[in-house]
Amino acid sequence: MKIENGENFIELEVQLETDTALPSYGDALIGIVVSSNGYIGKNQVWVAKEELELFSASLRELEKHRKGEAVLNSMSPDELNLRIYAYDGVGHLAIEGTTGHQVAGSVSFNHSIQFGFIVEAEQIVRMASSAWSHRF
């Protein structure tokens, strides 16, 4: 799923854990690629099933009413914080967030990107109707 505005975009590749024998059943491994006003980053994070359920429900409400927000956070703090929201009273939408990870070695470094841009409503409609979103 790709949400874009000109050269700005965020692309999410959602892989749901479908093995019922695993404790992570229903959780998702999400690959993220972001390009926002010249800054580019990518990451891969785990998101809990309950978080996906809440995000999917909030996204459908946002798409329907053009009010409020839909928030998605990764299991590990600061790896993914994504917010899609109506920024005015007539339902114009924007997306913002951060994604990052720590590279550990003899010296540890934190890498992250903060992003944000306006999005067209049709893109949120597409995202809200995506196959993974309707599993919840």
N, C-alpha and C. Protein backbone atom coordinates (compact mmCIF):
# COMPACT_ATOMS: atom_id res chain seq x y z
N MET A 1 0.85 -1.16 0.00
CA MET A 1 0.00 0.00 0.00
C MET A 1 0.90 1.24 0.00
N LYS A 2 0.66 2.11 -0.94
CA LYS A 2 1.47 3.32 -1.08
C LYS A 2 0.55 4.54 -0.99
N ILE A 3 0.92 5.48 -0.14
CA ILE A 3 0.23 6.76 -0.02
C ILE A 3 1.22 7.81 -0.47
N GLU A 4 0.78 8.68 -1.41
CA GLU A 4 1.74 9.62 -1.96
C GLU A 4 1.12 10.97 -2.28
N ASN A 5 1.99 11.95 -2.35
CA ASN A 5 1.64 13.30 -2.78
C ASN A 5 2.88 13.84 -3.49
N GLY A 6 2.86 13.82 -4.82
CA GLY A 6 4.04 14.24 -5.58
C GLY A 6 5.19 13.29 -5.31
N GLU A 7 6.32 13.83 -4.90
CA GLU A 7 7.49 13.01 -4.61
C GLU A 7 7.48 12.47 -3.18
N ASN A 8 6.54 12.92 -2.36
CA ASN A 8 6.41 12.42 -0.99
C ASN A 8 5.58 11.15 -0.98
N PHE A 9 6.05 10.14 -0.23
CA PHE A 9 5.26 8.92 -0.13
C PHE A 9 5.66 8.12 1.09
N ILE A 10 4.74 7.25 1.49
CA ILE A 10 5.04 6.19 2.44
C ILE A 10 4.46 4.92 1.86
N GLU A 11 5.26 3.87 1.83
CA GLU A 11 4.83 2.59 1.31
C GLU A 11 4.91 1.57 2.44
N LEU A 12 3.81 0.85 2.65
CA LEU A 12 3.74 -0.15 3.71
C LEU A 12 3.50 -1.51 3.07
N GLU A 13 4.35 -2.46 3.37
CA GLU A 13 4.15 -3.84 2.93
C GLU A 13 3.84 -4.66 4.17
N VAL A 14 2.60 -5.09 4.29
CA VAL A 14 2.11 -5.77 5.49
C VAL A 14 2.11 -7.28 5.26
N GLN A 15 2.81 -7.99 6.15
CA GLN A 15 2.83 -9.45 6.10
C GLN A 15 2.26 -9.96 7.42
N LEU A 16 1.03 -10.46 7.37
CA LEU A 16 0.38 -10.98 8.57
C LEU A 16 0.92 -12.35 8.92
N GLU A 17 1.14 -12.58 10.21
CA GLU A 17 1.55 -13.91 10.67
C GLU A 17 0.31 -14.81 10.68
N THR A 18 0.33 -15.86 9.89
CA THR A 18 -0.85 -16.70 9.72
C THR A 18 -0.72 -18.08 10.37
N ASP A 19 0.41 -18.36 10.99
CA ASP A 19 0.62 -19.65 11.64
C ASP A 19 -0.01 -19.62 13.03
N THR A 20 -1.12 -20.34 13.18
CA THR A 20 -1.85 -20.33 14.45
C THR A 20 -1.07 -20.96 15.59
N ALA A 21 -0.02 -21.70 15.29
CA ALA A 21 0.78 -22.34 16.33
C ALA A 21 1.76 -21.36 16.99
N LEU A 22 1.96 -20.19 16.39
CA LEU A 22 2.92 -19.22 16.92
C LEU A 22 2.24 -18.21 17.83
N PRO A 23 2.95 -17.76 18.87
CA PRO A 23 2.38 -16.74 19.75
C PRO A 23 2.19 -15.40 19.03
N SER A 24 2.86 -15.20 17.92
CA SER A 24 2.74 -13.96 17.15
C SER A 24 1.61 -14.03 16.11
N TYR A 25 0.77 -15.06 16.18
CA TYR A 25 -0.34 -15.21 15.24
C TYR A 25 -1.18 -13.93 15.22
N GLY A 26 -1.42 -13.39 14.02
CA GLY A 26 -2.21 -12.17 13.86
C GLY A 26 -1.39 -10.90 13.88
N ASP A 27 -0.19 -10.95 14.41
CA ASP A 27 0.70 -9.78 14.37
C ASP A 27 1.18 -9.58 12.93
N ALA A 28 1.80 -8.45 12.68
CA ALA A 28 2.27 -8.18 11.31
C ALA A 28 3.69 -7.66 11.30
N LEU A 29 4.44 -8.14 10.34
CA LEU A 29 5.74 -7.59 10.02
C LEU A 29 5.49 -6.59 8.89
N ILE A 30 5.84 -5.33 9.13
CA ILE A 30 5.56 -4.28 8.16
C ILE A 30 6.87 -3.68 7.66
N GLY A 31 7.05 -3.75 6.34
CA GLY A 31 8.16 -3.07 5.70
C GLY A 31 7.71 -1.65 5.35
N ILE A 32 8.56 -0.68 5.62
CA ILE A 32 8.21 0.72 5.42
C ILE A 32 9.28 1.38 4.58
N VAL A 33 8.85 2.14 3.59
CA VAL A 33 9.74 3.02 2.83
C VAL A 33 9.09 4.39 2.84
N VAL A 34 9.87 5.41 3.21
CA VAL A 34 9.36 6.78 3.31
C VAL A 34 10.25 7.71 2.51
N SER A 35 9.61 8.61 1.78
CA SER A 35 10.30 9.72 1.14
C SER A 35 9.49 10.97 1.44
N SER A 36 10.09 11.90 2.15
CA SER A 36 9.35 13.09 2.57
C SER A 36 10.24 14.32 2.44
N ASN A 37 9.91 15.15 1.46
CA ASN A 37 10.61 16.41 1.24
C ASN A 37 12.13 16.25 1.19
N GLY A 38 12.57 15.23 0.46
CA GLY A 38 14.00 15.02 0.25
C GLY A 38 14.65 14.06 1.23
N TYR A 39 13.96 13.68 2.31
CA TYR A 39 14.50 12.72 3.27
C TYR A 39 13.93 11.35 2.95
N ILE A 40 14.79 10.34 2.98
CA ILE A 40 14.38 9.00 2.62
C ILE A 40 14.82 8.04 3.71
N GLY A 41 13.95 7.09 4.04
CA GLY A 41 14.28 6.08 5.02
C GLY A 41 13.48 4.82 4.79
N LYS A 42 13.97 3.72 5.35
CA LYS A 42 13.22 2.47 5.28
C LYS A 42 13.44 1.71 6.58
N ASN A 43 12.50 0.84 6.85
CA ASN A 43 12.54 0.10 8.11
C ASN A 43 11.68 -1.14 7.99
N GLN A 44 11.78 -2.00 8.97
CA GLN A 44 10.93 -3.17 9.07
C GLN A 44 10.59 -3.33 10.54
N VAL A 45 9.29 -3.38 10.86
CA VAL A 45 8.86 -3.39 12.26
C VAL A 45 7.76 -4.41 12.48
N TRP A 46 7.60 -4.83 13.72
CA TRP A 46 6.50 -5.70 14.12
C TRP A 46 5.42 -4.84 14.76
N VAL A 47 4.17 -5.13 14.38
CA VAL A 47 3.01 -4.45 14.95
C VAL A 47 2.07 -5.51 15.50
N ALA A 48 1.60 -5.31 16.73
CA ALA A 48 0.71 -6.27 17.39
C ALA A 48 -0.67 -6.30 16.74
N LYS A 49 -1.29 -7.47 16.78
CA LYS A 49 -2.62 -7.67 16.21
C LYS A 49 -3.61 -6.63 16.75
N GLU A 50 -3.60 -6.39 18.05
CA GLU A 50 -4.54 -5.45 18.67
C GLU A 50 -4.33 -4.04 18.13
N GLU A 51 -3.09 -3.68 17.89
CA GLU A 51 -2.77 -2.36 17.33
C GLU A 51 -3.29 -2.25 15.90
N LEU A 52 -3.13 -3.32 15.14
CA LEU A 52 -3.65 -3.35 13.76
C LEU A 52 -5.17 -3.26 13.74
N GLU A 53 -5.82 -3.96 14.67
CA GLU A 53 -7.28 -3.90 14.75
C GLU A 53 -7.76 -2.49 15.04
N LEU A 54 -7.15 -1.84 16.01
CA LEU A 54 -7.53 -0.47 16.37
C LEU A 54 -7.26 0.50 15.22
N PHE A 55 -6.10 0.37 14.57
CA PHE A 55 -5.75 1.23 13.44
C PHE A 55 -6.75 1.04 12.30
N SER A 56 -7.07 -0.21 11.98
CA SER A 56 -8.00 -0.51 10.88
C SER A 56 -9.37 0.09 11.15
N ALA A 57 -9.88 -0.08 12.37
CA ALA A 57 -11.18 0.48 12.72
C ALA A 57 -11.15 2.01 12.67
N SER A 58 -10.10 2.61 13.20
CA SER A 58 -9.96 4.07 13.18
C SER A 58 -9.83 4.60 11.77
N LEU A 59 -9.12 3.87 10.92
CA LEU A 59 -8.94 4.27 9.52
C LEU A 59 -10.28 4.27 8.78
N ARG A 60 -11.09 3.24 9.02
CA ARG A 60 -12.40 3.19 8.39
C ARG A 60 -13.30 4.34 8.86
N GLU A 61 -13.23 4.68 10.14
CA GLU A 61 -14.00 5.81 10.67
C GLU A 61 -13.51 7.13 10.09
N LEU A 62 -12.20 7.29 9.99
CA LEU A 62 -11.63 8.49 9.40
C LEU A 62 -12.05 8.63 7.95
N GLU A 63 -12.01 7.54 7.23
CA GLU A 63 -12.41 7.55 5.82
C GLU A 63 -13.89 7.91 5.67
N LYS A 64 -14.71 7.39 6.57
CA LYS A 64 -16.15 7.60 6.50
C LYS A 64 -16.57 9.02 6.90
N HIS A 65 -15.99 9.53 7.99
CA HIS A 65 -16.44 10.81 8.57
C HIS A 65 -15.51 11.98 8.30
N ARG A 66 -14.27 11.71 7.88
CA ARG A 66 -13.27 12.75 7.63
C ARG A 66 -13.03 13.61 8.88
N LYS A 67 -13.07 12.95 10.04
CA LYS A 67 -12.78 13.59 11.33
C LYS A 67 -11.93 12.63 12.14
N GLY A 68 -11.10 13.17 13.00
CA GLY A 68 -10.32 12.33 13.90
C GLY A 68 -9.01 11.89 13.30
N GLU A 69 -8.56 10.71 13.76
CA GLU A 69 -7.24 10.22 13.34
C GLU A 69 -7.19 8.70 13.44
N ALA A 70 -6.22 8.13 12.76
CA ALA A 70 -5.88 6.72 12.86
C ALA A 70 -4.39 6.65 13.16
N VAL A 71 -4.06 5.95 14.24
CA VAL A 71 -2.67 5.90 14.71
C VAL A 71 -2.20 4.46 14.72
N LEU A 72 -0.96 4.25 14.26
CA LEU A 72 -0.35 2.93 14.24
C LEU A 72 1.02 3.02 14.88
N ASN A 73 1.26 2.17 15.89
CA ASN A 73 2.54 2.15 16.58
C ASN A 73 3.12 0.74 16.57
N SER A 74 4.42 0.65 16.46
CA SER A 74 5.12 -0.63 16.46
C SER A 74 5.19 -1.19 17.88
N MET A 75 5.51 -2.48 17.95
CA MET A 75 5.71 -3.12 19.26
C MET A 75 6.88 -2.49 20.01
N SER A 76 7.98 -2.29 19.30
CA SER A 76 9.15 -1.68 19.92
C SER A 76 9.02 -0.16 19.83
N PRO A 77 9.23 0.52 20.95
CA PRO A 77 9.08 1.97 20.96
C PRO A 77 9.98 2.65 19.92
N ASP A 78 9.45 3.67 19.29
CA ASP A 78 10.18 4.54 18.36
C ASP A 78 10.57 3.89 17.04
N GLU A 79 10.11 2.66 16.78
CA GLU A 79 10.39 2.07 15.46
C GLU A 79 9.38 2.53 14.43
N LEU A 80 8.12 2.73 14.86
CA LEU A 80 7.10 3.28 13.97
C LEU A 80 6.04 3.99 14.78
N ASN A 81 5.80 5.23 14.45
CA ASN A 81 4.68 6.01 14.96
C ASN A 81 4.08 6.68 13.73
N LEU A 82 2.88 6.24 13.34
CA LEU A 82 2.23 6.72 12.14
C LEU A 82 0.88 7.30 12.52
N ARG A 83 0.58 8.47 11.99
CA ARG A 83 -0.70 9.14 12.28
C ARG A 83 -1.27 9.69 10.98
N ILE A 84 -2.50 9.28 10.67
CA ILE A 84 -3.25 9.83 9.54
C ILE A 84 -4.41 10.58 10.16
N TYR A 85 -4.61 11.84 9.78
CA TYR A 85 -5.60 12.65 10.50
C TYR A 85 -6.22 13.73 9.61
N ALA A 86 -7.41 14.16 10.04
CA ALA A 86 -8.09 15.29 9.40
C ALA A 86 -7.53 16.55 10.06
N TYR A 87 -6.96 17.43 9.26
CA TYR A 87 -6.30 18.61 9.82
C TYR A 87 -7.16 19.87 9.78
N ASP A 88 -8.38 19.77 9.26
CA ASP A 88 -9.27 20.93 9.29
C ASP A 88 -10.72 20.46 9.37
N GLY A 89 -11.64 21.39 9.47
CA GLY A 89 -13.05 21.07 9.64
C GLY A 89 -13.75 20.53 8.41
N VAL A 90 -13.13 20.62 7.25
CA VAL A 90 -13.77 20.10 6.03
C VAL A 90 -13.21 18.74 5.61
N GLY A 91 -12.36 18.16 6.42
CA GLY A 91 -11.92 16.80 6.18
C GLY A 91 -10.70 16.61 5.32
N HIS A 92 -9.89 17.65 5.13
CA HIS A 92 -8.62 17.45 4.43
C HIS A 92 -7.71 16.60 5.32
N LEU A 93 -6.91 15.75 4.67
CA LEU A 93 -6.15 14.75 5.41
C LEU A 93 -4.64 14.93 5.26
N ALA A 94 -3.93 14.50 6.29
CA ALA A 94 -2.48 14.51 6.28
C ALA A 94 -1.97 13.25 6.96
N ILE A 95 -0.72 12.96 6.69
CA ILE A 95 -0.07 11.82 7.32
C ILE A 95 1.24 12.34 7.91
N GLU A 96 1.58 11.84 9.10
CA GLU A 96 2.85 12.22 9.72
C GLU A 96 3.33 11.07 10.59
N GLY A 97 4.61 11.09 10.89
CA GLY A 97 5.13 10.06 11.76
C GLY A 97 6.63 10.02 11.80
N THR A 98 7.11 8.96 12.43
CA THR A 98 8.54 8.69 12.51
C THR A 98 8.74 7.18 12.37
N THR A 99 9.88 6.83 11.84
CA THR A 99 10.31 5.44 11.86
C THR A 99 11.82 5.44 12.05
N GLY A 100 12.30 4.46 12.80
CA GLY A 100 13.73 4.41 13.06
C GLY A 100 14.13 3.11 13.72
N HIS A 101 15.41 2.94 13.87
CA HIS A 101 15.95 1.77 14.54
C HIS A 101 17.35 2.09 15.07
N GLN A 102 17.80 1.24 15.96
CA GLN A 102 19.13 1.42 16.53
C GLN A 102 20.07 0.40 15.90
N VAL A 103 21.23 0.87 15.48
CA VAL A 103 22.28 0.00 14.97
C VAL A 103 23.28 -0.20 16.10
N ALA A 104 23.37 -1.43 16.57
CA ALA A 104 24.23 -1.73 17.70
C ALA A 104 25.54 -2.35 17.23
N GLY A 105 26.56 -2.02 17.90
CA GLY A 105 27.89 -2.56 17.63
C GLY A 105 28.80 -2.07 18.74
N SER A 106 30.06 -1.85 18.44
CA SER A 106 30.96 -1.32 19.46
C SER A 106 30.51 0.08 19.89
N VAL A 107 29.83 0.76 18.97
CA VAL A 107 29.17 2.03 19.26
C VAL A 107 27.76 1.93 18.68
N SER A 108 26.75 2.35 19.43
CA SER A 108 25.37 2.29 18.95
C SER A 108 24.95 3.63 18.36
N PHE A 109 24.18 3.56 17.30
CA PHE A 109 23.67 4.76 16.65
C PHE A 109 22.17 4.62 16.43
N ASN A 110 21.44 5.67 16.68
CA ASN A 110 20.01 5.71 16.39
C ASN A 110 19.81 6.36 15.03
N HIS A 111 19.03 5.70 14.18
CA HIS A 111 18.70 6.23 12.86
C HIS A 111 17.19 6.40 12.80
N SER A 112 16.73 7.53 12.27
CA SER A 112 15.29 7.73 12.16
C SER A 112 14.98 8.78 11.11
N ILE A 113 13.72 8.77 10.69
CA ILE A 113 13.22 9.80 9.80
C ILE A 113 11.88 10.26 10.34
N GLN A 114 11.69 11.55 10.35
CA GLN A 114 10.41 12.14 10.70
C GLN A 114 9.81 12.64 9.40
N PHE A 115 8.52 12.40 9.19
CA PHE A 115 7.91 12.73 7.91
C PHE A 115 6.52 13.31 8.10
N GLY A 116 6.03 13.96 7.06
CA GLY A 116 4.67 14.47 7.07
C GLY A 116 4.34 15.15 5.76
N PHE A 117 3.12 14.93 5.30
CA PHE A 117 2.65 15.59 4.09
C PHE A 117 1.14 15.41 3.97
N ILE A 118 0.52 16.25 3.16
CA ILE A 118 -0.91 16.22 2.91
C ILE A 118 -1.20 15.06 1.95
N VAL A 119 -2.35 14.40 2.13
CA VAL A 119 -2.74 13.30 1.25
C VAL A 119 -4.17 13.51 0.75
N GLU A 120 -4.44 12.97 -0.41
CA GLU A 120 -5.79 13.03 -0.97
C GLU A 120 -6.66 11.95 -0.33
N ALA A 121 -7.92 12.27 -0.14
CA ALA A 121 -8.86 11.36 0.53
C ALA A 121 -8.96 10.01 -0.17
N GLU A 122 -8.87 9.99 -1.50
CA GLU A 122 -8.99 8.72 -2.23
C GLU A 122 -7.94 7.70 -1.80
N GLN A 123 -6.78 8.18 -1.40
CA GLN A 123 -5.72 7.27 -0.98
C GLN A 123 -6.07 6.60 0.35
N ILE A 124 -6.74 7.33 1.22
CA ILE A 124 -7.17 6.77 2.50
C ILE A 124 -8.31 5.78 2.26
N VAL A 125 -9.18 6.09 1.31
CA VAL A 125 -10.26 5.17 0.95
C VAL A 125 -9.65 3.85 0.49
N ARG A 126 -8.63 3.92 -0.36
CA ARG A 126 -7.94 2.72 -0.86
C ARG A 126 -7.30 1.94 0.28
N MET A 127 -6.66 2.66 1.19
CA MET A 127 -5.99 2.01 2.31
C MET A 127 -7.02 1.35 3.24
N ALA A 128 -8.11 2.04 3.51
CA ALA A 128 -9.15 1.50 4.39
C ALA A 128 -9.83 0.27 3.80
N SER A 129 -9.81 0.15 2.48
CA SER A 129 -10.45 -1.00 1.84
C SER A 129 -9.45 -2.08 1.45
N SER A 130 -8.19 -1.95 1.85
CA SER A 130 -7.19 -2.95 1.50
C SER A 130 -7.48 -4.28 2.18
N ALA A 131 -6.97 -5.32 1.60
CA ALA A 131 -7.23 -6.68 2.08
C ALA A 131 -6.80 -6.86 3.54
N TRP A 132 -5.62 -6.38 3.93
CA TRP A 132 -5.17 -6.58 5.30
C TRP A 132 -6.02 -5.79 6.29
N SER A 133 -6.50 -4.63 5.88
CA SER A 133 -7.32 -3.81 6.77
C SER A 133 -8.65 -4.48 7.08
N HIS A 134 -9.20 -5.22 6.12
CA HIS A 134 -10.51 -5.85 6.33
C HIS A 134 -10.42 -7.17 7.06
N ARG A 135 -9.24 -7.62 7.38
CA ARG A 135 -9.12 -8.86 8.17
C ARG A 135 -9.48 -8.61 9.63
N PHE A 136 -9.61 -7.33 10.01
CA PHE A 136 -9.88 -7.00 11.41
C PHE A 136 -11.23 -6.36 11.58
